[in-house]
Amino acid sequence: DIFAADAWGDLFFLWALERMAMVYDLRSIKGKEWYPWGVGLLLPTQNSDGSWTSRWPGPVDTCFALLFLRRTNVAQDLTEQLQRTSGEK
């Protein structure tokens, strides 16, 4: 484990965090920039072959890590709708 989250695995947690932060267009959560924090956890735990291992077998954990690092908003339309609804933009 990377930080012993009581979840479906630390890498799944980081990916879920990334999804939530991207959808809500957040740079920080409670004053902490989530992306540099996560990168600081991920990079030192990368295996010598380039993969990550936390809870799930095969390439699943590596996929979660790479999706976190990529931080692409695949739901931009949802982000825009949330911003319109809340009056932010």
N, C-alpha and C. Protein backbone atom coordinates (compact mmCIF):
# COMPACT_ATOMS: atom_id res chain seq x y z
N ASP A 1 0.82 -1.19 0.00
CA ASP A 1 0.00 0.00 0.00
C ASP A 1 0.87 1.26 0.00
N ILE A 2 0.34 2.28 -0.59
CA ILE A 2 1.06 3.54 -0.68
C ILE A 2 0.84 4.39 0.56
N PHE A 3 -0.42 4.52 0.98
CA PHE A 3 -0.71 5.31 2.18
C PHE A 3 -1.80 4.68 3.03
N ALA A 4 -2.07 3.41 2.81
CA ALA A 4 -2.98 2.60 3.62
C ALA A 4 -4.40 3.18 3.73
N ALA A 5 -4.95 3.59 2.60
CA ALA A 5 -6.34 4.04 2.59
C ALA A 5 -7.23 2.83 2.82
N ASP A 6 -8.24 3.00 3.58
CA ASP A 6 -9.20 1.93 3.80
C ASP A 6 -10.22 2.01 2.66
N ALA A 7 -9.79 1.58 1.48
CA ALA A 7 -10.60 1.73 0.28
C ALA A 7 -10.37 0.52 -0.62
N TRP A 8 -10.71 0.63 -1.87
CA TRP A 8 -10.49 -0.45 -2.83
C TRP A 8 -9.08 -0.41 -3.37
N GLY A 9 -8.16 0.13 -2.63
CA GLY A 9 -6.78 0.25 -3.05
C GLY A 9 -6.39 1.71 -3.16
N ASP A 10 -5.16 1.99 -2.82
CA ASP A 10 -4.68 3.37 -2.84
C ASP A 10 -4.71 3.98 -4.24
N LEU A 11 -4.38 3.19 -5.24
CA LEU A 11 -4.36 3.73 -6.60
C LEU A 11 -5.77 4.01 -7.11
N PHE A 12 -6.72 3.17 -6.74
CA PHE A 12 -8.11 3.44 -7.08
C PHE A 12 -8.56 4.73 -6.40
N PHE A 13 -8.20 4.91 -5.14
CA PHE A 13 -8.54 6.13 -4.41
C PHE A 13 -7.98 7.36 -5.13
N LEU A 14 -6.70 7.31 -5.52
CA LEU A 14 -6.10 8.46 -6.21
C LEU A 14 -6.81 8.75 -7.52
N TRP A 15 -7.17 7.70 -8.26
CA TRP A 15 -7.88 7.91 -9.51
C TRP A 15 -9.26 8.53 -9.25
N ALA A 16 -9.96 8.05 -8.23
CA ALA A 16 -11.28 8.62 -7.89
C ALA A 16 -11.13 10.08 -7.46
N LEU A 17 -10.10 10.38 -6.72
CA LEU A 17 -9.82 11.76 -6.32
C LEU A 17 -9.60 12.63 -7.55
N GLU A 18 -8.81 12.12 -8.48
CA GLU A 18 -8.53 12.86 -9.72
C GLU A 18 -9.82 13.10 -10.50
N ARG A 19 -10.69 12.10 -10.60
CA ARG A 19 -11.95 12.25 -11.32
C ARG A 19 -12.80 13.35 -10.69
N MET A 20 -12.93 13.30 -9.38
CA MET A 20 -13.75 14.29 -8.68
C MET A 20 -13.16 15.69 -8.85
N ALA A 21 -11.86 15.82 -8.69
CA ALA A 21 -11.23 17.13 -8.79
C ALA A 21 -11.32 17.68 -10.22
N MET A 22 -11.20 16.82 -11.21
CA MET A 22 -11.29 17.29 -12.58
C MET A 22 -12.73 17.71 -12.92
N VAL A 23 -13.70 16.93 -12.51
CA VAL A 23 -15.10 17.26 -12.82
C VAL A 23 -15.49 18.57 -12.16
N TYR A 24 -15.05 18.78 -10.93
CA TYR A 24 -15.39 20.02 -10.22
C TYR A 24 -14.39 21.14 -10.45
N ASP A 25 -13.40 20.90 -11.33
CA ASP A 25 -12.40 21.90 -11.70
C ASP A 25 -11.68 22.46 -10.47
N LEU A 26 -11.21 21.55 -9.63
CA LEU A 26 -10.53 21.94 -8.39
C LEU A 26 -9.02 21.79 -8.53
N ARG A 27 -8.30 22.82 -8.14
CA ARG A 27 -6.83 22.74 -8.07
C ARG A 27 -6.40 22.26 -6.69
N SER A 28 -7.22 22.60 -5.69
CA SER A 28 -6.87 22.21 -4.32
C SER A 28 -8.13 21.77 -3.59
N ILE A 29 -7.90 21.00 -2.54
CA ILE A 29 -8.98 20.52 -1.68
C ILE A 29 -8.56 20.85 -0.26
N LYS A 30 -9.38 21.65 0.41
CA LYS A 30 -9.07 22.11 1.77
C LYS A 30 -7.67 22.74 1.84
N GLY A 31 -7.32 23.52 0.81
CA GLY A 31 -6.06 24.24 0.79
C GLY A 31 -4.85 23.44 0.33
N LYS A 32 -5.03 22.17 0.00
CA LYS A 32 -3.91 21.32 -0.44
C LYS A 32 -4.08 21.02 -1.92
N GLU A 33 -3.04 21.31 -2.70
CA GLU A 33 -3.08 20.99 -4.12
C GLU A 33 -3.00 19.48 -4.27
N TRP A 34 -4.07 18.90 -4.79
CA TRP A 34 -4.21 17.45 -4.85
C TRP A 34 -3.25 16.79 -5.82
N TYR A 35 -2.97 17.42 -6.96
CA TYR A 35 -2.13 16.77 -7.97
C TYR A 35 -0.68 16.62 -7.51
N PRO A 36 -0.01 17.67 -7.06
CA PRO A 36 1.37 17.47 -6.58
C PRO A 36 1.44 16.49 -5.40
N TRP A 37 0.42 16.52 -4.54
CA TRP A 37 0.37 15.58 -3.43
C TRP A 37 0.35 14.14 -3.94
N GLY A 38 -0.52 13.85 -4.90
CA GLY A 38 -0.63 12.51 -5.45
C GLY A 38 0.61 12.07 -6.21
N VAL A 39 1.18 12.99 -6.98
CA VAL A 39 2.41 12.67 -7.71
C VAL A 39 3.52 12.32 -6.73
N GLY A 40 3.59 13.06 -5.63
CA GLY A 40 4.59 12.78 -4.61
C GLY A 40 4.44 11.41 -3.98
N LEU A 41 3.22 10.89 -3.97
CA LEU A 41 2.98 9.54 -3.47
C LEU A 41 3.25 8.49 -4.54
N LEU A 42 2.87 8.79 -5.78
CA LEU A 42 2.96 7.80 -6.85
C LEU A 42 4.38 7.53 -7.33
N LEU A 43 5.10 8.56 -7.65
CA LEU A 43 6.41 8.35 -8.29
C LEU A 43 7.37 7.50 -7.46
N PRO A 44 7.49 7.70 -6.15
CA PRO A 44 8.40 6.85 -5.39
C PRO A 44 7.96 5.39 -5.29
N THR A 45 6.70 5.09 -5.60
CA THR A 45 6.21 3.72 -5.48
C THR A 45 6.14 2.99 -6.81
N GLN A 46 6.61 3.64 -7.87
CA GLN A 46 6.61 2.99 -9.18
C GLN A 46 7.62 1.85 -9.18
N ASN A 47 7.23 0.71 -9.72
CA ASN A 47 8.12 -0.45 -9.79
C ASN A 47 9.19 -0.24 -10.85
N SER A 48 10.26 -0.99 -10.77
CA SER A 48 11.38 -0.83 -11.70
C SER A 48 10.98 -1.09 -13.15
N ASP A 49 9.93 -1.87 -13.38
CA ASP A 49 9.48 -2.13 -14.75
C ASP A 49 8.50 -1.06 -15.25
N GLY A 50 8.24 -0.02 -14.43
CA GLY A 50 7.36 1.07 -14.82
C GLY A 50 5.93 0.90 -14.36
N SER A 51 5.62 -0.21 -13.76
CA SER A 51 4.25 -0.47 -13.30
C SER A 51 4.06 -0.01 -11.86
N TRP A 52 2.81 -0.10 -11.40
CA TRP A 52 2.47 0.13 -10.00
C TRP A 52 1.70 -1.09 -9.50
N THR A 53 1.83 -1.38 -8.22
CA THR A 53 1.13 -2.49 -7.61
C THR A 53 0.58 -2.04 -6.27
N SER A 54 -0.72 -2.20 -6.08
CA SER A 54 -1.33 -1.85 -4.81
C SER A 54 -2.31 -2.94 -4.40
N ARG A 55 -3.42 -3.05 -5.11
CA ARG A 55 -4.43 -4.02 -4.71
C ARG A 55 -4.89 -4.93 -5.83
N TRP A 56 -4.97 -4.41 -7.02
CA TRP A 56 -5.55 -5.16 -8.12
C TRP A 56 -4.48 -5.85 -8.95
N PRO A 57 -4.77 -7.05 -9.47
CA PRO A 57 -3.77 -7.81 -10.23
C PRO A 57 -3.55 -7.25 -11.63
N GLY A 58 -2.47 -7.69 -12.22
CA GLY A 58 -2.18 -7.33 -13.60
C GLY A 58 -2.01 -5.84 -13.78
N PRO A 59 -2.46 -5.32 -14.90
CA PRO A 59 -2.23 -3.91 -15.23
C PRO A 59 -3.21 -2.92 -14.58
N VAL A 60 -4.17 -3.40 -13.80
CA VAL A 60 -5.22 -2.52 -13.29
C VAL A 60 -4.64 -1.39 -12.45
N ASP A 61 -3.79 -1.69 -11.47
CA ASP A 61 -3.21 -0.64 -10.64
C ASP A 61 -2.39 0.35 -11.45
N THR A 62 -1.65 -0.16 -12.43
CA THR A 62 -0.86 0.73 -13.29
C THR A 62 -1.79 1.66 -14.07
N CYS A 63 -2.90 1.15 -14.54
CA CYS A 63 -3.87 1.99 -15.25
C CYS A 63 -4.42 3.09 -14.35
N PHE A 64 -4.76 2.75 -13.11
CA PHE A 64 -5.24 3.78 -12.18
C PHE A 64 -4.18 4.86 -11.98
N ALA A 65 -2.93 4.45 -11.81
CA ALA A 65 -1.84 5.42 -11.61
C ALA A 65 -1.67 6.32 -12.83
N LEU A 66 -1.67 5.73 -14.01
CA LEU A 66 -1.50 6.52 -15.24
C LEU A 66 -2.68 7.45 -15.49
N LEU A 67 -3.89 6.98 -15.19
CA LEU A 67 -5.06 7.85 -15.35
C LEU A 67 -4.98 9.04 -14.39
N PHE A 68 -4.50 8.81 -13.16
CA PHE A 68 -4.31 9.91 -12.23
C PHE A 68 -3.30 10.90 -12.80
N LEU A 69 -2.15 10.39 -13.24
CA LEU A 69 -1.08 11.26 -13.73
C LEU A 69 -1.49 12.04 -14.97
N ARG A 70 -2.33 11.46 -15.80
CA ARG A 70 -2.76 12.11 -17.05
C ARG A 70 -3.73 13.26 -16.80
N ARG A 71 -4.54 13.16 -15.77
CA ARG A 71 -5.55 14.15 -15.36
C ARG A 71 -6.26 14.85 -16.54
N THR A 72 -6.97 14.05 -17.28
CA THR A 72 -7.75 14.54 -18.41
C THR A 72 -9.22 14.60 -18.03
N ASN A 73 -9.85 15.71 -18.29
CA ASN A 73 -11.26 15.84 -17.97
C ASN A 73 -12.08 15.27 -19.13
N VAL A 74 -12.46 14.01 -18.99
CA VAL A 74 -13.27 13.36 -20.03
C VAL A 74 -14.74 13.74 -19.92
N ALA A 75 -15.08 14.47 -18.90
CA ALA A 75 -16.47 14.89 -18.70
C ALA A 75 -16.56 16.42 -18.66
N GLN A 76 -15.92 17.08 -19.61
CA GLN A 76 -15.91 18.54 -19.65
C GLN A 76 -17.33 19.11 -19.69
N ASP A 77 -18.23 18.42 -20.40
CA ASP A 77 -19.61 18.91 -20.46
C ASP A 77 -20.27 18.88 -19.08
N LEU A 78 -19.94 17.88 -18.27
CA LEU A 78 -20.47 17.83 -16.90
C LEU A 78 -19.88 18.96 -16.06
N THR A 79 -18.60 19.21 -16.21
CA THR A 79 -17.95 20.31 -15.49
C THR A 79 -18.61 21.64 -15.83
N GLU A 80 -18.84 21.87 -17.11
CA GLU A 80 -19.47 23.11 -17.54
C GLU A 80 -20.89 23.24 -17.00
N GLN A 81 -21.63 22.14 -16.99
CA GLN A 81 -22.99 22.16 -16.44
C GLN A 81 -22.97 22.46 -14.94
N LEU A 82 -22.06 21.85 -14.20
CA LEU A 82 -21.95 22.10 -12.77
C LEU A 82 -21.59 23.56 -12.49
N GLN A 83 -20.70 24.13 -13.32
CA GLN A 83 -20.32 25.52 -13.13
C GLN A 83 -21.48 26.45 -13.44
N ARG A 84 -22.26 26.14 -14.49
CA ARG A 84 -23.43 26.97 -14.80
C ARG A 84 -24.46 26.90 -13.67
N THR A 85 -24.67 25.71 -13.16
CA THR A 85 -25.66 25.51 -12.10
C THR A 85 -25.27 26.24 -10.82
N SER A 86 -23.96 26.23 -10.51
CA SER A 86 -23.50 26.89 -9.28
C SER A 86 -23.23 28.37 -9.49
N GLY A 87 -23.26 28.83 -10.75
CA GLY A 87 -23.02 30.24 -11.03
C GLY A 87 -21.56 30.64 -11.01
N GLU A 88 -20.65 29.68 -11.10
CA GLU A 88 -19.22 30.00 -11.07
C GLU A 88 -18.72 30.60 -12.36
N LYS A 89 -19.20 30.14 -13.50
CA LYS A 89 -18.72 30.65 -14.79
C LYS A 89 -19.86 30.85 -15.74
